[in-house]
Amino acid sequence: MAKYVVTATSRTGQKVNAVTGGPSDQKAIYSDQELREFQAAAAADPRDLEVTVRPLD
């Protein structure tokens, strides 16, 4: 079961969602390690992503 839902949004309006071509996308995260890896990848992404994390209880 997912522990978090993350939303990544490009601060510069670049395409993030591969399906719709929109500037934001959501992803279910299943572990704390996966969350750390996602945040590290987003920090290095050239699209200047803002990431919000919503815990699921």
C-alpha atoms as a PDB file:
ATOM      1  CA  MET A   1       0.000   0.000   0.000  1.00  0.00           C
ATOM      2  CA  ALA A   2       1.260   3.493  -0.825  1.00  0.00           C
ATOM      3  CA  LYS A   3       2.673   5.586   2.026  1.00  0.00           C
ATOM      4  CA  TYR A   4       2.836   8.935   0.199  1.00  0.00           C
ATOM      5  CA  VAL A   5       1.563  10.757  -2.854  1.00  0.00           C
ATOM      6  CA  VAL A   6       4.046  13.185  -4.363  1.00  0.00           C
ATOM      7  CA  THR A   7       3.264  15.944  -6.820  1.00  0.00           C
ATOM      8  CA  ALA A   8       6.046  17.287  -9.011  1.00  0.00           C
ATOM      9  CA  THR A   9       5.419  20.610 -10.735  1.00  0.00           C
ATOM     10  CA  SER A  10       7.793  22.416 -13.073  1.00  0.00           C
ATOM     11  CA  ARG A  11       8.390  25.980 -11.860  1.00  0.00           C
ATOM     12  CA  THR A  12       9.168  26.955 -15.452  1.00  0.00           C
ATOM     13  CA  GLY A  13       6.074  25.344 -17.006  1.00  0.00           C
ATOM     14  CA  GLN A  14       7.969  22.562 -18.759  1.00  0.00           C
ATOM     15  CA  LYS A  15       6.317  19.238 -19.564  1.00  0.00           C
ATOM     16  CA  VAL A  16       6.335  16.838 -16.591  1.00  0.00           C
ATOM     17  CA  ASN A  17       3.336  14.590 -17.309  1.00  0.00           C
ATOM     18  CA  ALA A  18       4.211  12.337 -20.241  1.00  0.00           C
ATOM     19  CA  VAL A  19       0.550  11.454 -20.914  1.00  0.00           C
ATOM     20  CA  THR A  20      -1.106  14.882 -20.877  1.00  0.00           C
ATOM     21  CA  GLY A  21       1.933  17.058 -21.520  1.00  0.00           C
ATOM     22  CA  GLY A  22       1.073  19.123 -18.443  1.00  0.00           C
ATOM     23  CA  PRO A  23       3.540  20.859 -16.123  1.00  0.00           C
ATOM     24  CA  SER A  24       2.735  18.615 -13.128  1.00  0.00           C
ATOM     25  CA  ASP A  25       2.307  14.943 -12.305  1.00  0.00           C
ATOM     26  CA  GLN A  26       1.530  12.767  -9.284  1.00  0.00           C
ATOM     27  CA  LYS A  27       3.079   9.487  -8.194  1.00  0.00           C
ATOM     28  CA  ALA A  28       2.373   6.980  -5.427  1.00  0.00           C
ATOM     29  CA  ILE A  29       5.387   6.232  -3.214  1.00  0.00           C
ATOM     30  CA  TYR A  30       5.554   2.944  -1.323  1.00  0.00           C
ATOM     31  CA  SER A  31       8.558   3.328   1.019  1.00  0.00           C
ATOM     32  CA  ASP A  32      10.698   5.932   2.738  1.00  0.00           C
ATOM     33  CA  GLN A  33      13.663   4.883   0.598  1.00  0.00           C
ATOM     34  CA  GLU A  34      11.653   5.373  -2.599  1.00  0.00           C
ATOM     35  CA  LEU A  35      10.665   8.836  -1.326  1.00  0.00           C
ATOM     36  CA  ARG A  36      14.317   9.788  -0.708  1.00  0.00           C
ATOM     37  CA  GLU A  37      15.283   8.538  -4.179  1.00  0.00           C
ATOM     38  CA  PHE A  38      12.428  10.472  -5.806  1.00  0.00           C
ATOM     39  CA  GLN A  39      13.355  13.676  -3.981  1.00  0.00           C
ATOM     40  CA  ALA A  40      17.023  13.307  -4.993  1.00  0.00           C
ATOM     41  CA  ALA A  41      16.076  12.726  -8.630  1.00  0.00           C
ATOM     42  CA  ALA A  42      13.709  15.718  -8.585  1.00  0.00           C
ATOM     43  CA  ALA A  43      16.411  17.958  -7.109  1.00  0.00           C
ATOM     44  CA  ALA A  44      18.741  17.034  -9.990  1.00  0.00           C
ATOM     45  CA  ASP A  45      16.040  17.367 -12.681  1.00  0.00           C
ATOM     46  CA  PRO A  46      16.673  20.198 -15.182  1.00  0.00           C
ATOM     47  CA  ARG A  47      12.958  21.129 -15.271  1.00  0.00           C
ATOM     48  CA  ASP A  48      13.289  22.918 -11.878  1.00  0.00           C
ATOM     49  CA  LEU A  49      10.712  20.781 -10.068  1.00  0.00           C
ATOM     50  CA  GLU A  50       8.819  21.735  -6.944  1.00  0.00           C
ATOM     51  CA  VAL A  51       7.846  18.586  -5.045  1.00  0.00           C
ATOM     52  CA  THR A  52       5.066  18.332  -2.485  1.00  0.00           C
ATOM     53  CA  VAL A  53       4.614  15.217  -0.354  1.00  0.00           C
ATOM     54  CA  ARG A  54       1.272  14.133   1.102  1.00  0.00           C
ATOM     55  CA  PRO A  55       1.405  11.282   3.623  1.00  0.00           C
ATOM     56  CA  LEU A  56      -1.341   8.670   3.347  1.00  0.00           C
ATOM     57  CA  ASP A  57      -2.664   7.352   6.647  1.00  0.00           C
END
